Amino acid sequence: MLPEYTLAGPAGATPILLIHGFPFDRTQWEPQIAALVTDHRVIALDLRGQGRTPAGDGGYLIEFLVDDVIELLDHLELERVCVCGLSMGGYVALRLVDRHPDRVHGLILCDTRAEADSNEGRVARAGAVRTIREHGMAKLAEGLLPKLFPAGELEADTPAVQRIRTLVERADPEGACHALVAMAARLDLSDRLASIDTPCLVVVGSEDTLTPPDDARAMQAQIPGAELVVIEGAGHVSNLSHPEPFNAALLPFLAAL
């Protein structure tokens, strides 16, 4: 399935593909698009079942989302890109570089992990599906936001918190349920990290409790030559809550590719 996407920046510039988290859409990346568009060819897509990309005719797995990314790259006639994924987008990015290393010349993993869900995690995904089906996306947002932002930021109801609340509440319920199942069923790629043969940057918020800094450090240690940047004060959605230091981490990495 060809996903909906935004394409901006000079045609001959280094291409970077931005893959959003759950259950957001490509507008999550607006601060990065604004910072990158002058010198880079920026592609931001809506994953299947999220944003403006339909869910299709049934359930899907991370494998299908990787297929969609490849279809998009072929459609845009891009042989190789730098891929940047946050949270669920990181799961897609990791599987993409595992299946198609020849299509990735740079990898940025943000607030994500390589391990599959634990049994406890899968039960939690099932609970989220149940919440959506019984109470809707607004109820999911109530429980999700405290996991995405530090308490002080949540209490202040910052623009980033407001933005994410809007993205969650407007997300398609069926697409969100499909994405939860896909994440619960994803492969454990931790034993594949050592085989990644492309420049890699790992970014994590210092206050991220879903994919904490210790997990990011462990992932960075297993990927040959990977760099690590910890965004101080940021939670799980570090690109929106702290866009300036986040962008400051991306720009030199991209310049060196």
C-alpha atoms as a PDB file:
ATOM      1  CA  MET A   1       0.000   0.000   0.000  1.00  0.00           C
ATOM      2  CA  LEU A   2       1.393   3.406  -0.983  1.00  0.00           C
ATOM      3  CA  PRO A   3       1.157   5.588   2.142  1.00  0.00           C
ATOM      4  CA  GLU A   4       0.208   9.239   2.198  1.00  0.00           C
ATOM      5  CA  TYR A   5       3.290  11.409   2.543  1.00  0.00           C
ATOM      6  CA  THR A   6       4.804  14.884   2.610  1.00  0.00           C
ATOM      7  CA  LEU A   7       7.783  15.627   0.365  1.00  0.00           C
ATOM      8  CA  ALA A   8       9.779  18.816   0.772  1.00  0.00           C
ATOM      9  CA  GLY A   9      13.249  20.212   0.181  1.00  0.00           C
ATOM     10  CA  PRO A  10      15.698  20.338  -2.746  1.00  0.00           C
ATOM     11  CA  ALA A  11      15.386  17.411  -5.146  1.00  0.00           C
ATOM     12  CA  GLY A  12      19.115  16.672  -5.181  1.00  0.00           C
ATOM     13  CA  ALA A  13      19.684  16.941  -1.448  1.00  0.00           C
ATOM     14  CA  THR A  14      20.314  14.075   0.979  1.00  0.00           C
ATOM     15  CA  PRO A  15      16.951  12.326   1.552  1.00  0.00           C
ATOM     16  CA  ILE A  16      15.699  11.624   5.072  1.00  0.00           C
ATOM     17  CA  LEU A  17      12.579   9.598   5.792  1.00  0.00           C
ATOM     18  CA  LEU A  18      10.714  10.376   9.026  1.00  0.00           C
ATOM     19  CA  ILE A  19       8.528   7.629  10.552  1.00  0.00           C
ATOM     20  CA  HIS A  20       6.184   8.691  13.339  1.00  0.00           C
ATOM     21  CA  GLY A  21       5.179   6.985  16.578  1.00  0.00           C
ATOM     22  CA  PHE A  22       1.895   5.482  17.780  1.00  0.00           C
ATOM     23  CA  PRO A  23      -0.828   6.611  17.295  1.00  0.00           C
ATOM     24  CA  PHE A  24       0.349   9.809  15.661  1.00  0.00           C
ATOM     25  CA  ASP A  25       0.866  10.889  12.059  1.00  0.00           C
ATOM     26  CA  ARG A  26       3.464  12.669   9.942  1.00  0.00           C
ATOM     27  CA  THR A  27       2.613  16.075  11.466  1.00  0.00           C
ATOM     28  CA  GLN A  28       4.492  14.890  14.557  1.00  0.00           C
ATOM     29  CA  TRP A  29       7.630  15.853  12.611  1.00  0.00           C
ATOM     30  CA  GLU A  30       6.755  19.482  11.805  1.00  0.00           C
ATOM     31  CA  PRO A  31       9.610  20.933  13.945  1.00  0.00           C
ATOM     32  CA  GLN A  32      12.111  18.661  12.204  1.00  0.00           C
ATOM     33  CA  ILE A  33      10.755  19.302   8.706  1.00  0.00           C
ATOM     34  CA  ALA A  34      11.123  23.049   9.284  1.00  0.00           C
ATOM     35  CA  ALA A  35      14.732  22.596  10.438  1.00  0.00           C
ATOM     36  CA  LEU A  36      15.768  20.141   7.716  1.00  0.00           C
ATOM     37  CA  VAL A  37      13.951  21.319   4.613  1.00  0.00           C
ATOM     38  CA  THR A  38      16.526  23.907   3.493  1.00  0.00           C
ATOM     39  CA  ASP A  39      19.355  21.411   2.999  1.00  0.00           C
ATOM     40  CA  HIS A  40      17.645  18.007   2.874  1.00  0.00           C
ATOM     41  CA  ARG A  41      15.025  16.157   0.884  1.00  0.00           C
ATOM     42  CA  VAL A  42      12.509  15.370   3.629  1.00  0.00           C
ATOM     43  CA  ILE A  43       9.878  12.639   3.375  1.00  0.00           C
ATOM     44  CA  ALA A  44       7.359  12.167   6.187  1.00  0.00           C
ATOM     45  CA  LEU A  45       4.746   9.443   5.797  1.00  0.00           C
ATOM     46  CA  ASP A  46       1.569   8.332   7.542  1.00  0.00           C
ATOM     47  CA  LEU A  47       1.900   4.681   8.509  1.00  0.00           C
ATOM     48  CA  ARG A  48      -0.865   2.321   7.449  1.00  0.00           C
ATOM     49  CA  GLY A  49      -4.043   2.950   9.476  1.00  0.00           C
ATOM     50  CA  GLN A  50      -2.760   6.261  10.862  1.00  0.00           C
ATOM     51  CA  GLY A  51      -3.076   9.809   9.608  1.00  0.00           C
ATOM     52  CA  ARG A  52      -4.463   9.837   6.078  1.00  0.00           C
ATOM     53  CA  THR A  53      -3.269   6.355   5.105  1.00  0.00           C
ATOM     54  CA  PRO A  54      -6.138   3.843   5.301  1.00  0.00           C
ATOM     55  CA  ALA A  55      -5.814   0.653   7.321  1.00  0.00           C
ATOM     56  CA  GLY A  56      -6.703  -1.518   4.343  1.00  0.00           C
ATOM     57  CA  ASP A  57      -8.908  -4.582   4.370  1.00  0.00           C
ATOM     58  CA  GLY A  58      -7.650  -6.319   7.485  1.00  0.00           C
ATOM     59  CA  GLY A  59      -5.059  -6.554  10.219  1.00  0.00           C
ATOM     60  CA  TYR A  60      -1.382  -6.062   9.510  1.00  0.00           C
ATOM     61  CA  LEU A  61       2.085  -6.582  10.944  1.00  0.00           C
ATOM     62  CA  ILE A  62       5.250  -4.489  11.086  1.00  0.00           C
ATOM     63  CA  GLU A  63       6.330  -6.476   8.011  1.00  0.00           C
ATOM     64  CA  PHE A  64       3.551  -4.851   5.991  1.00  0.00           C
ATOM     65  CA  LEU A  65       4.586  -1.385   7.163  1.00  0.00           C
ATOM     66  CA  VAL A  66       8.111  -2.088   5.929  1.00  0.00           C
ATOM     67  CA  ASP A  67       6.595  -3.165   2.601  1.00  0.00           C
ATOM     68  CA  ASP A  68       4.759   0.168   2.468  1.00  0.00           C
ATOM     69  CA  VAL A  69       7.984   2.099   3.074  1.00  0.00           C
ATOM     70  CA  ILE A  70       9.724   0.259   0.251  1.00  0.00           C
ATOM     71  CA  GLU A  71       6.775   0.948  -2.046  1.00  0.00           C
ATOM     72  CA  LEU A  72       7.060   4.642  -1.182  1.00  0.00           C
ATOM     73  CA  LEU A  73      10.809   4.738  -1.834  1.00  0.00           C
ATOM     74  CA  ASP A  74      10.284   3.028  -5.176  1.00  0.00           C
ATOM     75  CA  HIS A  75       7.473   5.440  -6.017  1.00  0.00           C
ATOM     76  CA  LEU A  76       9.779   8.386  -5.278  1.00  0.00           C
ATOM     77  CA  GLU A  77      12.660   6.702  -7.128  1.00  0.00           C
ATOM     78  CA  LEU A  78      14.891   6.854  -4.066  1.00  0.00           C
ATOM     79  CA  GLU A  79      17.458   4.093  -3.910  1.00  0.00           C
ATOM     80  CA  ARG A  80      18.792   4.924  -0.449  1.00  0.00           C
ATOM     81  CA  VAL A  81      17.659   7.182   2.389  1.00  0.00           C
ATOM     82  CA  CYS A  82      18.522   8.057   5.938  1.00  0.00           C
ATOM     83  CA  VAL A  83      15.680   6.694   8.063  1.00  0.00           C
ATOM     84  CA  CYS A  84      14.584   8.329  11.306  1.00  0.00           C
ATOM     85  CA  GLY A  85      11.953   6.559  13.403  1.00  0.00           C
ATOM     86  CA  LEU A  86      10.508   7.347  16.821  1.00  0.00           C
ATOM     87  CA  SER A  87       8.926   4.696  19.065  1.00  0.00           C
ATOM     88  CA  MET A  88       6.773   2.563  16.720  1.00  0.00           C
ATOM     89  CA  GLY A  89       8.549   4.315  13.843  1.00  0.00           C
ATOM     90  CA  GLY A  90      11.782   2.969  15.287  1.00  0.00           C
ATOM     91  CA  TYR A  91      10.401  -0.573  15.162  1.00  0.00           C
ATOM     92  CA  VAL A  92       9.672  -0.058  11.475  1.00  0.00           C
ATOM     93  CA  ALA A  93      13.092   1.511  10.855  1.00  0.00           C
ATOM     94  CA  LEU A  94      14.923  -1.361  12.550  1.00  0.00           C
ATOM     95  CA  ARG A  95      13.075  -3.980  10.552  1.00  0.00           C
ATOM     96  CA  LEU A  96      13.616  -1.961   7.376  1.00  0.00           C
ATOM     97  CA  VAL A  97      17.393  -1.878   7.815  1.00  0.00           C
ATOM     98  CA  ASP A  98      17.335  -5.567   8.765  1.00  0.00           C
ATOM     99  CA  ARG A  99      15.441  -6.589   5.605  1.00  0.00           C
ATOM    100  CA  HIS A 100      16.759  -3.980   3.171  1.00  0.00           C
ATOM    101  CA  PRO A 101      20.189  -2.750   4.345  1.00  0.00           C
ATOM    102  CA  ASP A 102      20.960  -1.634   0.798  1.00  0.00           C
ATOM    103  CA  ARG A 103      18.165   0.974   0.963  1.00  0.00           C
ATOM    104  CA  VAL A 104      19.396   2.656   4.171  1.00  0.00           C
ATOM    105  CA  HIS A 105      22.544   4.796   4.322  1.00  0.00           C
ATOM    106  CA  GLY A 106      21.865   6.297   7.747  1.00  0.00           C
ATOM    107  CA  LEU A 107      19.725   5.274  10.730  1.00  0.00           C
ATOM    108  CA  ILE A 108      18.312   7.432  13.540  1.00  0.00           C
ATOM    109  CA  LEU A 109      16.529   5.556  16.316  1.00  0.00           C
ATOM    110  CA  CYS A 110      14.546   7.768  18.692  1.00  0.00           C
ATOM    111  CA  ASP A 111      12.912   6.678  21.951  1.00  0.00           C
ATOM    112  CA  THR A 112      12.570   3.093  20.779  1.00  0.00           C
ATOM    113  CA  ARG A 113      13.938  -0.397  21.411  1.00  0.00           C
ATOM    114  CA  ALA A 114      14.960  -3.516  19.496  1.00  0.00           C
ATOM    115  CA  GLU A 115      13.397  -6.087  21.855  1.00  0.00           C
ATOM    116  CA  ALA A 116       9.963  -7.562  21.263  1.00  0.00           C
ATOM    117  CA  ASP A 117       7.193  -7.011  23.796  1.00  0.00           C
ATOM    118  CA  SER A 118       7.295  -9.063  26.972  1.00  0.00           C
ATOM    119  CA  ASN A 119       4.205 -11.045  27.916  1.00  0.00           C
ATOM    120  CA  GLU A 120       3.277  -8.184  30.235  1.00  0.00           C
ATOM    121  CA  GLY A 121       3.685  -5.756  27.354  1.00  0.00           C
ATOM    122  CA  ARG A 122       1.446  -7.812  25.092  1.00  0.00           C
ATOM    123  CA  VAL A 123      -1.247  -7.913  27.774  1.00  0.00           C
ATOM    124  CA  ALA A 124      -0.975  -4.123  28.051  1.00  0.00           C
ATOM    125  CA  ARG A 125      -1.429  -3.803  24.258  1.00  0.00           C
ATOM    126  CA  ALA A 126      -4.545  -5.958  24.522  1.00  0.00           C
ATOM    127  CA  GLY A 127      -5.820  -3.689  27.270  1.00  0.00           C
ATOM    128  CA  ALA A 128      -5.286  -0.657  25.044  1.00  0.00           C
ATOM    129  CA  VAL A 129      -7.270  -2.323  22.242  1.00  0.00           C
ATOM    130  CA  ARG A 130     -10.046  -3.011  24.744  1.00  0.00           C
ATOM    131  CA  THR A 131     -10.003   0.621  25.896  1.00  0.00           C
ATOM    132  CA  ILE A 132     -10.310   1.893  22.332  1.00  0.00           C
ATOM    133  CA  ARG A 133     -13.149  -0.461  21.432  1.00  0.00           C
ATOM    134  CA  GLU A 134     -15.124   0.218  24.614  1.00  0.00           C
ATOM    135  CA  HIS A 135     -14.381   3.887  25.303  1.00  0.00           C
ATOM    136  CA  GLY A 136     -12.716   5.486  22.267  1.00  0.00           C
ATOM    137  CA  MET A 137      -9.491   7.328  21.543  1.00  0.00           C
ATOM    138  CA  ALA A 138     -10.041  10.131  24.082  1.00  0.00           C
ATOM    139  CA  LYS A 139      -9.988   7.558  26.873  1.00  0.00           C
ATOM    140  CA  LEU A 140      -6.806   6.029  25.444  1.00  0.00           C
ATOM    141  CA  ALA A 141      -5.229   9.488  25.448  1.00  0.00           C
ATOM    142  CA  GLU A 142      -5.980   9.870  29.173  1.00  0.00           C
ATOM    143  CA  GLY A 143      -3.893   6.828  30.012  1.00  0.00           C
ATOM    144  CA  LEU A 144      -1.232   7.330  27.357  1.00  0.00           C
ATOM    145  CA  LEU A 145      -0.191  10.938  27.941  1.00  0.00           C
ATOM    146  CA  PRO A 146       1.282  10.315  31.437  1.00  0.00           C
ATOM    147  CA  LYS A 147       3.525   7.685  29.856  1.00  0.00           C
ATOM    148  CA  LEU A 148       4.711  10.044  27.129  1.00  0.00           C
ATOM    149  CA  PHE A 149       5.574  13.161  29.156  1.00  0.00           C
ATOM    150  CA  PRO A 150       7.203  13.924  32.523  1.00  0.00           C
ATOM    151  CA  ALA A 151       4.724  14.937  35.226  1.00  0.00           C
ATOM    152  CA  GLY A 152       5.731  18.601  35.232  1.00  0.00           C
ATOM    153  CA  GLU A 153       5.314  18.943  31.501  1.00  0.00           C
ATOM    154  CA  LEU A 154       1.958  17.177  31.612  1.00  0.00           C
ATOM    155  CA  GLU A 155       0.679  19.386  34.444  1.00  0.00           C
ATOM    156  CA  ALA A 156       1.775  22.503  32.550  1.00  0.00           C
ATOM    157  CA  ASP A 157      -0.187  21.289  29.521  1.00  0.00           C
ATOM    158  CA  THR A 158       2.571  22.453  27.197  1.00  0.00           C
ATOM    159  CA  PRO A 159       2.033  22.899  23.452  1.00  0.00           C
ATOM    160  CA  ALA A 160       3.687  19.501  22.887  1.00  0.00           C
ATOM    161  CA  VAL A 161       1.241  17.837  25.280  1.00  0.00           C
ATOM    162  CA  GLN A 162      -1.679  19.574  23.579  1.00  0.00           C
ATOM    163  CA  ARG A 163      -0.402  18.521  20.170  1.00  0.00           C
ATOM    164  CA  ILE A 164      -0.023  14.871  21.100  1.00  0.00           C
ATOM    165  CA  ARG A 165      -3.420  14.819  22.810  1.00  0.00           C
ATOM    166  CA  THR A 166      -4.973  16.095  19.579  1.00  0.00           C
ATOM    167  CA  LEU A 167      -3.129  13.523  17.469  1.00  0.00           C
ATOM    168  CA  VAL A 168      -4.230  10.640  19.705  1.00  0.00           C
ATOM    169  CA  GLU A 169      -7.849  11.759  19.979  1.00  0.00           C
ATOM    170  CA  ARG A 170      -8.247  12.219  16.224  1.00  0.00           C
ATOM    171  CA  ALA A 171      -6.545   8.930  15.297  1.00  0.00           C
ATOM    172  CA  ASP A 172      -8.634   6.274  13.553  1.00  0.00           C
ATOM    173  CA  PRO A 173      -9.718   3.718  16.201  1.00  0.00           C
ATOM    174  CA  GLU A 174      -9.481   0.735  13.851  1.00  0.00           C
ATOM    175  CA  GLY A 175      -6.062   1.781  12.628  1.00  0.00           C
ATOM    176  CA  ALA A 176      -4.882   2.232  16.217  1.00  0.00           C
ATOM    177  CA  CYS A 177      -6.095  -1.249  17.153  1.00  0.00           C
ATOM    178  CA  HIS A 178      -4.333  -2.772  14.141  1.00  0.00           C
ATOM    179  CA  ALA A 179      -1.116  -0.932  15.081  1.00  0.00           C
ATOM    180  CA  LEU A 180      -1.280  -2.222  18.660  1.00  0.00           C
ATOM    181  CA  VAL A 181      -1.565  -5.793  17.422  1.00  0.00           C
ATOM    182  CA  ALA A 182       1.304  -5.232  14.979  1.00  0.00           C
ATOM    183  CA  MET A 183       3.541  -3.930  17.757  1.00  0.00           C
ATOM    184  CA  ALA A 184       2.613  -6.821  20.064  1.00  0.00           C
ATOM    185  CA  ALA A 185       3.542  -9.307  17.333  1.00  0.00           C
ATOM    186  CA  ARG A 186       6.778  -7.663  16.184  1.00  0.00           C
ATOM    187  CA  LEU A 187      10.071  -9.550  15.992  1.00  0.00           C
ATOM    188  CA  ASP A 188      12.809  -9.312  18.588  1.00  0.00           C
ATOM    189  CA  LEU A 189      15.680  -7.689  16.672  1.00  0.00           C
ATOM    190  CA  SER A 190      18.123  -7.349  19.550  1.00  0.00           C
ATOM    191  CA  ASP A 191      20.366 -10.076  18.133  1.00  0.00           C
ATOM    192  CA  ARG A 192      20.465  -8.257  14.781  1.00  0.00           C
ATOM    193  CA  LEU A 193      21.856  -4.967  16.091  1.00  0.00           C
ATOM    194  CA  ALA A 194      25.481  -6.046  15.700  1.00  0.00           C
ATOM    195  CA  SER A 195      24.904  -6.598  11.970  1.00  0.00           C
ATOM    196  CA  ILE A 196      23.786  -3.028  11.273  1.00  0.00           C
ATOM    197  CA  ASP A 197      26.380  -1.677   8.865  1.00  0.00           C
ATOM    198  CA  THR A 198      25.355   1.940   8.459  1.00  0.00           C
ATOM    199  CA  PRO A 199      25.983   5.113  10.484  1.00  0.00           C
ATOM    200  CA  CYS A 200      23.548   5.164  13.381  1.00  0.00           C
ATOM    201  CA  LEU A 201      22.399   7.760  15.906  1.00  0.00           C
ATOM    202  CA  VAL A 202      20.376   6.776  18.982  1.00  0.00           C
ATOM    203  CA  VAL A 203      18.349   9.564  20.600  1.00  0.00           C
ATOM    204  CA  VAL A 204      16.428   9.272  23.879  1.00  0.00           C
ATOM    205  CA  GLY A 205      14.776  11.588  26.376  1.00  0.00           C
ATOM    206  CA  SER A 206      16.360  11.529  29.822  1.00  0.00           C
ATOM    207  CA  GLU A 207      12.882  11.152  31.360  1.00  0.00           C
ATOM    208  CA  ASP A 208      11.591   8.532  28.918  1.00  0.00           C
ATOM    209  CA  THR A 209      10.018   5.769  30.999  1.00  0.00           C
ATOM    210  CA  LEU A 210       8.702   3.674  28.095  1.00  0.00           C
ATOM    211  CA  THR A 211      12.080   3.213  26.407  1.00  0.00           C
ATOM    212  CA  PRO A 212      14.465   4.573  29.054  1.00  0.00           C
ATOM    213  CA  PRO A 213      18.031   5.813  28.559  1.00  0.00           C
ATOM    214  CA  ASP A 214      19.550   2.584  29.875  1.00  0.00           C
ATOM    215  CA  ASP A 215      17.798   0.698  27.065  1.00  0.00           C
ATOM    216  CA  ALA A 216      19.084   3.237  24.549  1.00  0.00           C
ATOM    217  CA  ARG A 217      22.622   2.870  25.877  1.00  0.00           C
ATOM    218  CA  ALA A 218      22.414  -0.897  25.592  1.00  0.00           C
ATOM    219  CA  MET A 219      21.179  -0.603  22.004  1.00  0.00           C
ATOM    220  CA  GLN A 220      23.911   1.891  21.113  1.00  0.00           C
ATOM    221  CA  ALA A 221      26.554  -0.411  22.587  1.00  0.00           C
ATOM    222  CA  GLN A 222      25.470  -3.253  20.304  1.00  0.00           C
ATOM    223  CA  ILE A 223      25.360  -1.261  17.047  1.00  0.00           C
ATOM    224  CA  PRO A 224      28.886  -0.832  15.654  1.00  0.00           C
ATOM    225  CA  GLY A 225      29.977   2.808  15.783  1.00  0.00           C
ATOM    226  CA  ALA A 226      26.581   4.119  16.907  1.00  0.00           C
ATOM    227  CA  GLU A 227      26.332   7.514  18.595  1.00  0.00           C
ATOM    228  CA  LEU A 228      24.060   8.316  21.527  1.00  0.00           C
ATOM    229  CA  VAL A 229      22.400  11.619  22.448  1.00  0.00           C
ATOM    230  CA  VAL A 230      20.303  11.978  25.601  1.00  0.00           C
ATOM    231  CA  ILE A 231      17.862  14.907  25.477  1.00  0.00           C
ATOM    232  CA  GLU A 232      17.776  16.310  29.009  1.00  0.00           C
ATOM    233  CA  GLY A 233      14.306  16.763  30.469  1.00  0.00           C
ATOM    234  CA  ALA A 234      12.505  15.086  27.579  1.00  0.00           C
ATOM    235  CA  GLY A 235      10.109  12.179  27.844  1.00  0.00           C
ATOM    236  CA  HIS A 236       9.096   9.698  25.164  1.00  0.00           C
ATOM    237  CA  VAL A 237       8.147  12.272  22.514  1.00  0.00           C
ATOM    238  CA  SER A 238      11.481  14.074  22.593  1.00  0.00           C
ATOM    239  CA  ASN A 239      11.240  15.534  19.088  1.00  0.00           C
ATOM    240  CA  LEU A 240       8.135  17.585  19.950  1.00  0.00           C
ATOM    241  CA  SER A 241       8.778  18.482  23.572  1.00  0.00           C
ATOM    242  CA  HIS A 242      12.431  19.502  23.040  1.00  0.00           C
ATOM    243  CA  PRO A 243      12.766  20.247  19.307  1.00  0.00           C
ATOM    244  CA  GLU A 244      15.846  22.482  19.538  1.00  0.00           C
ATOM    245  CA  PRO A 245      18.207  19.953  21.183  1.00  0.00           C
ATOM    246  CA  PHE A 246      16.627  17.169  19.153  1.00  0.00           C
ATOM    247  CA  ASN A 247      17.329  18.998  15.894  1.00  0.00           C
ATOM    248  CA  ALA A 248      20.791  19.887  17.134  1.00  0.00           C
ATOM    249  CA  ALA A 249      21.494  16.172  17.447  1.00  0.00           C
ATOM    250  CA  LEU A 250      20.183  15.338  13.971  1.00  0.00           C
ATOM    251  CA  LEU A 251      21.859  18.059  11.919  1.00  0.00           C
ATOM    252  CA  PRO A 252      25.560  17.167  12.458  1.00  0.00           C
ATOM    253  CA  PHE A 253      24.794  13.477  12.053  1.00  0.00           C
ATOM    254  CA  LEU A 254      23.098  14.129   8.707  1.00  0.00           C
ATOM    255  CA  ALA A 255      25.900  16.485   7.607  1.00  0.00           C
ATOM    256  CA  ALA A 256      28.434  13.719   8.140  1.00  0.00           C
ATOM    257  CA  LEU A 257      26.621  11.164   5.936  1.00  0.00           C
END
